[in-house]
Amino acid sequence: MSTREIKAFIHRNRIADVVDALYKADFRNVTVIDVQGLLKALDSKEQRYSVEIGQKVITEVKLELVCEGEARMTQAVEIIREHARTGQAHAGWIYVSGLLSRTEIT
């Protein structure tokens, strides 16, 4: 069975709905991290200028999820797509990678 890592960059006002839907679908290996990104702002209040980056940025959320099997990966991607929508043409990004190995910390 293949192990997949999903990374999604989502507007922070959509993350609660995404995490809730993933949890209801029994996804548990989920990590949520605040990051600065260049997603198009929903409005001017969401955006600020970053001196370090030299661009206007928003605080977005990076969601990371590990799942087993193609069916679960497809299900997770569809849940993220459905619940992360903002009404904009580009509301974020989803990346899927294969993992070579996974070891539990005991």
PDB file of N, CA and C in Angstrom:
ATOM      1  N   MET A   1       0.844  -1.176   0.000  1.00  0.00           N
ATOM      2  CA  MET A   1       0.000   0.000   0.000  1.00  0.00           C
ATOM      3  C   MET A   1       0.892   1.243   0.000  1.00  0.00           C
ATOM      4  N   SER A   2       0.542   2.218  -0.814  1.00  0.00           N
ATOM      5  CA  SER A   2       1.362   3.428  -0.931  1.00  0.00           C
ATOM      6  C   SER A   2       0.988   4.455   0.139  1.00  0.00           C
ATOM      7  N   THR A   3       2.008   5.109   0.652  1.00  0.00           N
ATOM      8  CA  THR A   3       1.815   6.168   1.628  1.00  0.00           C
ATOM      9  C   THR A   3       1.995   7.496   0.913  1.00  0.00           C
ATOM     10  N   ARG A   4       1.086   8.420   1.135  1.00  0.00           N
ATOM     11  CA  ARG A   4       1.117   9.718   0.486  1.00  0.00           C
ATOM     12  C   ARG A   4       1.140  10.837   1.517  1.00  0.00           C
ATOM     13  N   GLU A   5       1.849  11.893   1.180  1.00  0.00           N
ATOM     14  CA  GLU A   5       1.816  13.103   1.985  1.00  0.00           C
ATOM     15  C   GLU A   5       1.117  14.181   1.164  1.00  0.00           C
ATOM     16  N   ILE A   6       0.145  14.807   1.768  1.00  0.00           N
ATOM     17  CA  ILE A   6      -0.586  15.890   1.127  1.00  0.00           C
ATOM     18  C   ILE A   6      -0.216  17.178   1.841  1.00  0.00           C
ATOM     19  N   LYS A   7       0.130  18.202   1.068  1.00  0.00           N
ATOM     20  CA  LYS A   7       0.375  19.538   1.607  1.00  0.00           C
ATOM     21  C   LYS A   7      -0.590  20.471   0.895  1.00  0.00           C
ATOM     22  N   ALA A   8      -1.295  21.269   1.666  1.00  0.00           N
ATOM     23  CA  ALA A   8      -2.239  22.218   1.085  1.00  0.00           C
ATOM     24  C   ALA A   8      -2.012  23.586   1.700  1.00  0.00           C
ATOM     25  N   PHE A   9      -2.066  24.602   0.876  1.00  0.00           N
ATOM     26  CA  PHE A   9      -1.953  25.981   1.331  1.00  0.00           C
ATOM     27  C   PHE A   9      -3.327  26.613   1.181  1.00  0.00           C
ATOM     28  N   ILE A  10      -3.899  27.047   2.317  1.00  0.00           N
ATOM     29  CA  ILE A  10      -5.313  27.399   2.405  1.00  0.00           C
ATOM     30  C   ILE A  10      -5.459  28.745   3.106  1.00  0.00           C
ATOM     31  N   HIS A  11      -6.440  29.523   2.684  1.00  0.00           N
ATOM     32  CA  HIS A  11      -6.767  30.754   3.409  1.00  0.00           C
ATOM     33  C   HIS A  11      -7.166  30.386   4.837  1.00  0.00           C
ATOM     34  N   ARG A  12      -6.696  31.156   5.791  1.00  0.00           N
ATOM     35  CA  ARG A  12      -6.920  30.799   7.199  1.00  0.00           C
ATOM     36  C   ARG A  12      -8.382  30.827   7.605  1.00  0.00           C
ATOM     37  N   ASN A  13      -9.231  31.577   6.911  1.00  0.00           N
ATOM     38  CA  ASN A  13     -10.643  31.583   7.271  1.00  0.00           C
ATOM     39  C   ASN A  13     -11.381  30.320   6.820  1.00  0.00           C
ATOM     40  N   ARG A  14     -10.712  29.416   6.101  1.00  0.00           N
ATOM     41  CA  ARG A  14     -11.323  28.169   5.635  1.00  0.00           C
ATOM     42  C   ARG A  14     -10.792  26.938   6.376  1.00  0.00           C
ATOM     43  N   ILE A  15      -9.731  27.091   7.156  1.00  0.00           N
ATOM     44  CA  ILE A  15      -9.057  25.925   7.730  1.00  0.00           C
ATOM     45  C   ILE A  15      -9.915  25.160   8.729  1.00  0.00           C
ATOM     46  N   ALA A  16     -10.719  25.824   9.527  1.00  0.00           N
ATOM     47  CA  ALA A  16     -11.543  25.122  10.524  1.00  0.00           C
ATOM     48  C   ALA A  16     -12.506  24.155   9.837  1.00  0.00           C
ATOM     49  N   ASP A  17     -13.133  24.587   8.744  1.00  0.00           N
ATOM     50  CA  ASP A  17     -14.050  23.706   8.016  1.00  0.00           C
ATOM     51  C   ASP A  17     -13.319  22.526   7.387  1.00  0.00           C
ATOM     52  N   VAL A  18     -12.121  22.779   6.868  1.00  0.00           N
ATOM     53  CA  VAL A  18     -11.331  21.703   6.258  1.00  0.00           C
ATOM     54  C   VAL A  18     -10.956  20.656   7.306  1.00  0.00           C
ATOM     55  N   VAL A  19     -10.411  21.110   8.436  1.00  0.00           N
ATOM     56  CA  VAL A  19      -9.989  20.183   9.490  1.00  0.00           C
ATOM     57  C   VAL A  19     -11.186  19.405  10.039  1.00  0.00           C
ATOM     58  N   ASP A  20     -12.307  20.069  10.236  1.00  0.00           N
ATOM     59  CA  ASP A  20     -13.518  19.395  10.731  1.00  0.00           C
ATOM     60  C   ASP A  20     -13.962  18.295   9.771  1.00  0.00           C
ATOM     61  N   ALA A  21     -13.976  18.588   8.487  1.00  0.00           N
ATOM     62  CA  ALA A  21     -14.388  17.595   7.492  1.00  0.00           C
ATOM     63  C   ALA A  21     -13.403  16.428   7.426  1.00  0.00           C
ATOM     64  N   LEU A  22     -12.109  16.701   7.503  1.00  0.00           N
ATOM     65  CA  LEU A  22     -11.112  15.624   7.512  1.00  0.00           C
ATOM     66  C   LEU A  22     -11.273  14.755   8.751  1.00  0.00           C
ATOM     67  N   TYR A  23     -11.493  15.385   9.893  1.00  0.00           N
ATOM     68  CA  TYR A  23     -11.666  14.638  11.147  1.00  0.00           C
ATOM     69  C   TYR A  23     -12.895  13.730  11.069  1.00  0.00           C
ATOM     70  N   LYS A  24     -13.998  14.258  10.536  1.00  0.00           N
ATOM     71  CA  LYS A  24     -15.220  13.459  10.391  1.00  0.00           C
ATOM     72  C   LYS A  24     -15.020  12.273   9.447  1.00  0.00           C
ATOM     73  N   ALA A  25     -14.083  12.398   8.508  1.00  0.00           N
ATOM     74  CA  ALA A  25     -13.768  11.308   7.584  1.00  0.00           C
ATOM     75  C   ALA A  25     -12.674  10.401   8.142  1.00  0.00           C
ATOM     76  N   ASP A  26     -12.340  10.569   9.420  1.00  0.00           N
ATOM     77  CA  ASP A  26     -11.387   9.733  10.148  1.00  0.00           C
ATOM     78  C   ASP A  26      -9.929   9.920   9.717  1.00  0.00           C
ATOM     79  N   PHE A  27      -9.571  11.129   9.281  1.00  0.00           N
ATOM     80  CA  PHE A  27      -8.164  11.452   9.047  1.00  0.00           C
ATOM     81  C   PHE A  27      -7.624  12.046  10.337  1.00  0.00           C
ATOM     82  N   ARG A  28      -6.528  11.486  10.850  1.00  0.00           N
ATOM     83  CA  ARG A  28      -5.991  11.931  12.133  1.00  0.00           C
ATOM     84  C   ARG A  28      -4.566  12.468  12.046  1.00  0.00           C
ATOM     85  N   ASN A  29      -3.792  12.059  11.066  1.00  0.00           N
ATOM     86  CA  ASN A  29      -2.400  12.511  10.951  1.00  0.00           C
ATOM     87  C   ASN A  29      -2.353  13.854  10.230  1.00  0.00           C
ATOM     88  N   VAL A  30      -2.900  14.884  10.877  1.00  0.00           N
ATOM     89  CA  VAL A  30      -3.028  16.208  10.276  1.00  0.00           C
ATOM     90  C   VAL A  30      -2.210  17.206  11.086  1.00  0.00           C
ATOM     91  N   THR A  31      -1.456  18.053  10.391  1.00  0.00           N
ATOM     92  CA  THR A  31      -0.710  19.135  11.016  1.00  0.00           C
ATOM     93  C   THR A  31      -1.127  20.436  10.347  1.00  0.00           C
ATOM     94  N   VAL A  32      -1.282  21.480  11.145  1.00  0.00           N
ATOM     95  CA  VAL A  32      -1.683  22.792  10.640  1.00  0.00           C
ATOM     96  C   VAL A  32      -0.663  23.814  11.115  1.00  0.00           C
ATOM     97  N   ILE A  33      -0.115  24.589  10.176  1.00  0.00           N
ATOM     98  CA  ILE A  33       0.955  25.540  10.479  1.00  0.00           C
ATOM     99  C   ILE A  33       0.624  26.885   9.834  1.00  0.00           C
ATOM    100  N   ASP A  34       0.735  27.983  10.597  1.00  0.00           N
ATOM    101  CA  ASP A  34       0.604  29.318  10.008  1.00  0.00           C
ATOM    102  C   ASP A  34       1.868  29.646   9.230  1.00  0.00           C
ATOM    103  N   VAL A  35       1.706  30.134   8.004  1.00  0.00           N
ATOM    104  CA  VAL A  35       2.833  30.535   7.163  1.00  0.00           C
ATOM    105  C   VAL A  35       2.496  31.846   6.464  1.00  0.00           C
ATOM    106  N   GLN A  36       3.514  32.533   5.977  1.00  0.00           N
ATOM    107  CA  GLN A  36       3.300  33.707   5.147  1.00  0.00           C
ATOM    108  C   GLN A  36       3.330  33.263   3.699  1.00  0.00           C
ATOM    109  N   GLY A  37       2.381  33.749   2.921  1.00  0.00           N
ATOM    110  CA  GLY A  37       2.345  33.330   1.534  1.00  0.00           C
ATOM    111  C   GLY A  37       1.874  34.427   0.611  1.00  0.00           C
ATOM    112  N   LEU A  38       1.916  34.112  -0.657  1.00  0.00           N
ATOM    113  CA  LEU A  38       1.574  35.069  -1.694  1.00  0.00           C
ATOM    114  C   LEU A  38       0.228  34.772  -2.343  1.00  0.00           C
ATOM    115  N   LEU A  39      -0.637  33.996  -1.652  1.00  0.00           N
ATOM    116  CA  LEU A  39      -1.986  33.800  -2.175  1.00  0.00           C
ATOM    117  C   LEU A  39      -2.650  35.149  -2.360  1.00  0.00           C
ATOM    118  N   LYS A  40      -3.537  35.235  -3.323  1.00  0.00           N
ATOM    119  CA  LYS A  40      -4.283  36.480  -3.523  1.00  0.00           C
ATOM    120  C   LYS A  40      -5.180  36.718  -2.314  1.00  0.00           C
ATOM    121  N   ALA A  41      -5.094  37.914  -1.765  1.00  0.00           N
ATOM    122  CA  ALA A  41      -5.884  38.258  -0.578  1.00  0.00           C
ATOM    123  C   ALA A  41      -7.367  38.314  -0.925  1.00  0.00           C
ATOM    124  N   LEU A  42      -8.190  37.879   0.028  1.00  0.00           N
ATOM    125  CA  LEU A  42      -9.637  37.975  -0.148  1.00  0.00           C
ATOM    126  C   LEU A  42     -10.087  39.424  -0.058  1.00  0.00           C
ATOM    127  N   ASP A  43      -9.419  40.203   0.798  1.00  0.00           N
ATOM    128  CA  ASP A  43      -9.661  41.642   0.893  1.00  0.00           C
ATOM    129  C   ASP A  43      -8.402  42.305   1.436  1.00  0.00           C
ATOM    130  N   SER A  44      -8.372  43.617   1.432  1.00  0.00           N
ATOM    131  CA  SER A  44      -7.162  44.346   1.828  1.00  0.00           C
ATOM    132  C   SER A  44      -6.798  44.143   3.292  1.00  0.00           C
ATOM    133  N   LYS A  45      -7.770  43.825   4.155  1.00  0.00           N
ATOM    134  CA  LYS A  45      -7.491  43.591   5.575  1.00  0.00           C
ATOM    135  C   LYS A  45      -6.648  42.331   5.795  1.00  0.00           C
ATOM    136  N   GLU A  46      -6.717  41.394   4.870  1.00  0.00           N
ATOM    137  CA  GLU A  46      -6.006  40.128   5.001  1.00  0.00           C
ATOM    138  C   GLU A  46      -4.529  40.273   4.628  1.00  0.00           C
ATOM    139  N   GLN A  47      -4.183  41.314   3.923  1.00  0.00           N
ATOM    140  CA  GLN A  47      -2.850  41.452   3.349  1.00  0.00           C
ATOM    141  C   GLN A  47      -2.019  42.483   4.105  1.00  0.00           C
ATOM    142  N   ARG A  48      -0.709  42.231   4.155  1.00  0.00           N
ATOM    143  CA  ARG A  48       0.222  43.198   4.733  1.00  0.00           C
ATOM    144  C   ARG A  48       1.531  43.118   3.960  1.00  0.00           C
ATOM    145  N   TYR A  49       2.344  44.138   4.088  1.00  0.00           N
ATOM    146  CA  TYR A  49       3.629  44.158   3.410  1.00  0.00           C
ATOM    147  C   TYR A  49       4.676  43.519   4.306  1.00  0.00           C
ATOM    148  N   SER A  50       5.438  42.575   3.773  1.00  0.00           N
ATOM    149  CA  SER A  50       6.516  41.934   4.506  1.00  0.00           C
ATOM    150  C   SER A  50       7.850  42.549   4.094  1.00  0.00           C
ATOM    151  N   VAL A  51       8.517  43.183   5.046  1.00  0.00           N
ATOM    152  CA  VAL A  51       9.831  43.762   4.772  1.00  0.00           C
ATOM    153  C   VAL A  51      10.830  42.653   4.439  1.00  0.00           C
ATOM    154  N   GLU A  52      10.734  41.509   5.147  1.00  0.00           N
ATOM    155  CA  GLU A  52      11.673  40.393   4.929  1.00  0.00           C
ATOM    156  C   GLU A  52      11.552  39.822   3.520  1.00  0.00           C
ATOM    157  N   ILE A  53      10.348  39.699   3.031  1.00  0.00           N
ATOM    158  CA  ILE A  53      10.114  39.085   1.715  1.00  0.00           C
ATOM    159  C   ILE A  53      10.108  40.138   0.605  1.00  0.00           C
ATOM    160  N   GLY A  54       9.757  41.377   0.945  1.00  0.00           N
ATOM    161  CA  GLY A  54       9.712  42.440  -0.045  1.00  0.00           C
ATOM    162  C   GLY A  54       8.466  42.385  -0.915  1.00  0.00           C
ATOM    163  N   GLN A  55       7.404  41.773  -0.413  1.00  0.00           N
ATOM    164  CA  GLN A  55       6.147  41.632  -1.153  1.00  0.00           C
ATOM    165  C   GLN A  55       4.983  41.750  -0.193  1.00  0.00           C
ATOM    166  N   LYS A  56       3.795  41.955  -0.742  1.00  0.00           N
ATOM    167  CA  LYS A  56       2.581  41.869   0.057  1.00  0.00           C
ATOM    168  C   LYS A  56       2.295  40.401   0.292  1.00  0.00           C
ATOM    169  N   VAL A  57       1.975  40.048   1.532  1.00  0.00           N
ATOM    170  CA  VAL A  57       1.729  38.654   1.901  1.00  0.00           C
ATOM    171  C   VAL A  57       0.447  38.562   2.716  1.00  0.00           C
ATOM    172  N   ILE A  58      -0.031  37.343   2.854  1.00  0.00           N
ATOM    173  CA  ILE A  58      -1.109  37.057   3.789  1.00  0.00           C
ATOM    174  C   ILE A  58      -0.629  35.945   4.703  1.00  0.00           C
ATOM    175  N   THR A  59      -1.233  35.849   5.870  1.00  0.00           N
ATOM    176  CA  THR A  59      -0.979  34.699   6.720  1.00  0.00           C
ATOM    177  C   THR A  59      -1.947  33.634   6.258  1.00  0.00           C
ATOM    178  N   GLU A  60      -1.394  32.586   5.690  1.00  0.00           N
ATOM    179  CA  GLU A  60      -2.203  31.473   5.233  1.00  0.00           C
ATOM    180  C   GLU A  60      -1.865  30.257   6.080  1.00  0.00           C
ATOM    181  N   VAL A  61      -2.503  29.148   5.813  1.00  0.00           N
ATOM    182  CA  VAL A  61      -2.286  27.939   6.594  1.00  0.00           C
ATOM    183  C   VAL A  61      -1.748  26.848   5.685  1.00  0.00           C
ATOM    184  N   LYS A  62      -0.714  26.172   6.181  1.00  0.00           N
ATOM    185  CA  LYS A  62      -0.186  25.000   5.502  1.00  0.00           C
ATOM    186  C   LYS A  62      -0.703  23.783   6.254  1.00  0.00           C
ATOM    187  N   LEU A  63      -1.475  22.971   5.578  1.00  0.00           N
ATOM    188  CA  LEU A  63      -2.011  21.746   6.158  1.00  0.00           C
ATOM    189  C   LEU A  63      -1.186  20.583   5.618  1.00  0.00           C
ATOM    190  N   GLU A  64      -0.724  19.714   6.498  1.00  0.00           N
ATOM    191  CA  GLU A  64       0.008  18.516   6.092  1.00  0.00           C
ATOM    192  C   GLU A  64      -0.742  17.305   6.597  1.00  0.00           C
ATOM    193  N   LEU A  65      -0.830  16.297   5.750  1.00  0.00           N
ATOM    194  CA  LEU A  65      -1.608  15.104   6.061  1.00  0.00           C
ATOM    195  C   LEU A  65      -0.923  13.897   5.439  1.00  0.00           C
ATOM    196  N   VAL A  66      -0.780  12.833   6.211  1.00  0.00           N
ATOM    197  CA  VAL A  66      -0.237  11.578   5.703  1.00  0.00           C
ATOM    198  C   VAL A  66      -1.369  10.562   5.661  1.00  0.00           C
ATOM    199  N   CYS A  67      -1.493   9.861   4.538  1.00  0.00           N
ATOM    200  CA  CYS A  67      -2.552   8.845   4.432  1.00  0.00           C
ATOM    201  C   CYS A  67      -2.041   7.639   3.652  1.00  0.00           C
ATOM    202  N   GLU A  68      -2.708   6.525   3.866  1.00  0.00           N
ATOM    203  CA  GLU A  68      -2.345   5.250   3.233  1.00  0.00           C
ATOM    204  C   GLU A  68      -3.304   4.952   2.084  1.00  0.00           C
ATOM    205  N   GLY A  69      -2.765   4.649   0.920  1.00  0.00           N
ATOM    206  CA  GLY A  69      -3.566   4.185  -0.200  1.00  0.00           C
ATOM    207  C   GLY A  69      -4.106   5.298  -1.079  1.00  0.00           C
ATOM    208  N   GLU A  70      -4.295   4.947  -2.342  1.00  0.00           N
ATOM    209  CA  GLU A  70      -4.779   5.896  -3.336  1.00  0.00           C
ATOM    210  C   GLU A  70      -6.195   6.383  -3.029  1.00  0.00           C
ATOM    211  N   ALA A  71      -7.053   5.490  -2.571  1.00  0.00           N
ATOM    212  CA  ALA A  71      -8.446   5.867  -2.301  1.00  0.00           C
ATOM    213  C   ALA A  71      -8.520   6.909  -1.190  1.00  0.00           C
ATOM    214  N   ARG A  72      -7.763   6.710  -0.133  1.00  0.00           N
ATOM    215  CA  ARG A  72      -7.763   7.677   0.982  1.00  0.00           C
ATOM    216  C   ARG A  72      -7.140   9.002   0.550  1.00  0.00           C
ATOM    217  N   MET A  73      -6.107   8.933  -0.281  1.00  0.00           N
ATOM    218  CA  MET A  73      -5.486  10.151  -0.787  1.00  0.00           C
ATOM    219  C   MET A  73      -6.492  10.937  -1.622  1.00  0.00           C
ATOM    220  N   THR A  74      -7.193  10.270  -2.508  1.00  0.00           N
ATOM    221  CA  THR A  74      -8.194  10.922  -3.350  1.00  0.00           C
ATOM    222  C   THR A  74      -9.302  11.529  -2.494  1.00  0.00           C
ATOM    223  N   GLN A  75      -9.747  10.800  -1.484  1.00  0.00           N
ATOM    224  CA  GLN A  75     -10.793  11.289  -0.584  1.00  0.00           C
ATOM    225  C   GLN A  75     -10.331  12.552   0.141  1.00  0.00           C
ATOM    226  N   ALA A  76      -9.116  12.545   0.662  1.00  0.00           N
ATOM    227  CA  ALA A  76      -8.588  13.703   1.386  1.00  0.00           C
ATOM    228  C   ALA A  76      -8.477  14.923   0.469  1.00  0.00           C
ATOM    229  N   VAL A  77      -7.980  14.731  -0.732  1.00  0.00           N
ATOM    230  CA  VAL A  77      -7.846  15.844  -1.678  1.00  0.00           C
ATOM    231  C   VAL A  77      -9.213  16.429  -2.000  1.00  0.00           C
ATOM    232  N   GLU A  78     -10.209  15.594  -2.209  1.00  0.00           N
ATOM    233  CA  GLU A  78     -11.556  16.086  -2.507  1.00  0.00           C
ATOM    234  C   GLU A  78     -12.159  16.841  -1.321  1.00  0.00           C
ATOM    235  N   ILE A  79     -11.931  16.349  -0.105  1.00  0.00           N
ATOM    236  CA  ILE A  79     -12.415  17.051   1.091  1.00  0.00           C
ATOM    237  C   ILE A  79     -11.769  18.429   1.197  1.00  0.00           C
ATOM    238  N   ILE A  80     -10.467  18.487   0.995  1.00  0.00           N
ATOM    239  CA  ILE A  80      -9.755  19.761   1.071  1.00  0.00           C
ATOM    240  C   ILE A  80     -10.285  20.718   0.004  1.00  0.00           C
ATOM    241  N   ARG A  81     -10.405  20.234  -1.227  1.00  0.00           N
ATOM    242  CA  ARG A  81     -10.919  21.072  -2.322  1.00  0.00           C
ATOM    243  C   ARG A  81     -12.295  21.643  -1.998  1.00  0.00           C
ATOM    244  N   GLU A  82     -13.167  20.775  -1.541  1.00  0.00           N
ATOM    245  CA  GLU A  82     -14.546  21.184  -1.275  1.00  0.00           C
ATOM    246  C   GLU A  82     -14.643  22.224  -0.163  1.00  0.00           C
ATOM    247  N   HIS A  83     -13.917  22.005   0.918  1.00  0.00           N
ATOM    248  CA  HIS A  83     -14.073  22.847   2.100  1.00  0.00           C
ATOM    249  C   HIS A  83     -13.130  24.045   2.151  1.00  0.00           C
ATOM    250  N   ALA A  84     -12.128  24.102   1.275  1.00  0.00           N
ATOM    251  CA  ALA A  84     -11.192  25.229   1.251  1.00  0.00           C
ATOM    252  C   ALA A  84     -11.617  26.312   0.263  1.00  0.00           C
ATOM    253  N   ARG A  85     -12.661  26.077  -0.483  1.00  0.00           N
ATOM    254  CA  ARG A  85     -13.104  27.051  -1.488  1.00  0.00           C
ATOM    255  C   ARG A  85     -13.439  28.391  -0.853  1.00  0.00           C
ATOM    256  N   THR A  86     -13.022  29.459  -1.552  1.00  0.00           N
ATOM    257  CA  THR A  86     -13.307  30.810  -1.078  1.00  0.00           C
ATOM    258  C   THR A  86     -14.207  31.573  -2.045  1.00  0.00           C
ATOM    259  N   GLY A  87     -14.417  31.040  -3.227  1.00  0.00           N
ATOM    260  CA  GLY A  87     -15.157  31.753  -4.262  1.00  0.00           C
ATOM    261  C   GLY A  87     -14.236  32.436  -5.260  1.00  0.00           C
ATOM    262  N   GLN A  88     -12.944  32.470  -4.976  1.00  0.00           N
ATOM    263  CA  GLN A  88     -11.966  33.020  -5.906  1.00  0.00           C
ATOM    264  C   GLN A  88     -11.551  31.951  -6.904  1.00  0.00           C
ATOM    265  N   ALA A  89     -11.009  32.376  -8.017  1.00  0.00           N
ATOM    266  CA  ALA A  89     -10.504  31.429  -9.019  1.00  0.00           C
ATOM    267  C   ALA A  89      -9.350  30.594  -8.450  1.00  0.00           C
ATOM    268  N   HIS A  90      -8.488  31.227  -7.650  1.00  0.00           N
ATOM    269  CA  HIS A  90      -7.337  30.537  -7.049  1.00  0.00           C
ATOM    270  C   HIS A  90      -7.397  30.725  -5.544  1.00  0.00           C
ATOM    271  N   ALA A  91      -7.849  29.702  -4.823  1.00  0.00           N
ATOM    272  CA  ALA A  91      -8.018  29.804  -3.375  1.00  0.00           C
ATOM    273  C   ALA A  91      -6.925  29.069  -2.607  1.00  0.00           C
ATOM    274  N   GLY A  92      -5.930  28.543  -3.292  1.00  0.00           N
ATOM    275  CA  GLY A  92      -4.858  27.820  -2.625  1.00  0.00           C
ATOM    276  C   GLY A  92      -4.302  26.734  -3.520  1.00  0.00           C
ATOM    277  N   TRP A  93      -3.468  25.879  -2.935  1.00  0.00           N
ATOM    278  CA  TRP A  93      -2.792  24.825  -3.692  1.00  0.00           C
ATOM    279  C   TRP A  93      -2.785  23.542  -2.895  1.00  0.00           C
ATOM    280  N   ILE A  94      -2.831  22.420  -3.598  1.00  0.00           N
ATOM    281  CA  ILE A  94      -2.722  21.103  -2.971  1.00  0.00           C
ATOM    282  C   ILE A  94      -1.611  20.354  -3.696  1.00  0.00           C
ATOM    283  N   TYR A  95      -0.676  19.810  -2.930  1.00  0.00           N
ATOM    284  CA  TYR A  95       0.423  19.012  -3.471  1.00  0.00           C
ATOM    285  C   TYR A  95       0.352  17.616  -2.865  1.00  0.00           C
ATOM    286  N   VAL A  96       0.618  16.600  -3.672  1.00  0.00           N
ATOM    287  CA  VAL A  96       0.642  15.219  -3.193  1.00  0.00           C
ATOM    288  C   VAL A  96       1.989  14.614  -3.558  1.00  0.00           C
ATOM    289  N   SER A  97       2.647  14.004  -2.560  1.00  0.00           N
ATOM    290  CA  SER A  97       3.943  13.365  -2.757  1.00  0.00           C
ATOM    291  C   SER A  97       3.891  11.942  -2.233  1.00  0.00           C
ATOM    292  N   GLY A  98       4.699  11.081  -2.822  1.00  0.00           N
ATOM    293  CA  GLY A  98       4.861   9.731  -2.297  1.00  0.00           C
ATOM    294  C   GLY A  98       5.930   9.727  -1.228  1.00  0.00           C
ATOM    295  N   LEU A  99       5.751   8.918  -0.192  1.00  0.00           N
ATOM    296  CA  LEU A  99       6.738   8.802   0.876  1.00  0.00           C
ATOM    297  C   LEU A  99       7.480   7.479   0.726  1.00  0.00           C
ATOM    298  N   LEU A 100       8.768   7.518   0.922  1.00  0.00           N
ATOM    299  CA  LEU A 100       9.563   6.310   0.819  1.00  0.00           C
ATOM    300  C   LEU A 100       9.446   5.449   2.066  1.00  0.00           C
ATOM    301  N   SER A 101       9.335   6.117   3.219  1.00  0.00           N
ATOM    302  CA  SER A 101       9.198   5.348   4.455  1.00  0.00           C
ATOM    303  C   SER A 101       8.570   6.225   5.529  1.00  0.00           C
ATOM    304  N   ARG A 102       8.080   5.541   6.547  1.00  0.00           N
ATOM    305  CA  ARG A 102       7.504   6.227   7.706  1.00  0.00           C
ATOM    306  C   ARG A 102       7.810   5.366   8.905  1.00  0.00           C
ATOM    307  N   THR A 103       8.335   5.984   9.945  1.00  0.00           N
ATOM    308  CA  THR A 103       8.668   5.272  11.181  1.00  0.00           C
ATOM    309  C   THR A 103       8.004   5.987  12.344  1.00  0.00           C
ATOM    310  N   GLU A 104       7.370   5.225  13.203  1.00  0.00           N
ATOM    311  CA  GLU A 104       6.742   5.804  14.380  1.00  0.00           C
ATOM    312  C   GLU A 104       7.784   6.065  15.454  1.00  0.00           C
ATOM    313  N   ILE A 105       7.559   7.113  16.198  1.00  0.00           N
ATOM    314  CA  ILE A 105       8.409   7.423  17.353  1.00  0.00           C
ATOM    315  C   ILE A 105       7.766   6.738  18.557  1.00  0.00           C
ATOM    316  N   THR A 106       8.523   5.856  19.197  1.00  0.00           N
ATOM    317  CA  THR A 106       7.985   5.135  20.347  1.00  0.00           C
ATOM    318  C   THR A 106       8.811   5.388  21.580  1.00  0.00           C
TER     319      THR A 106
END
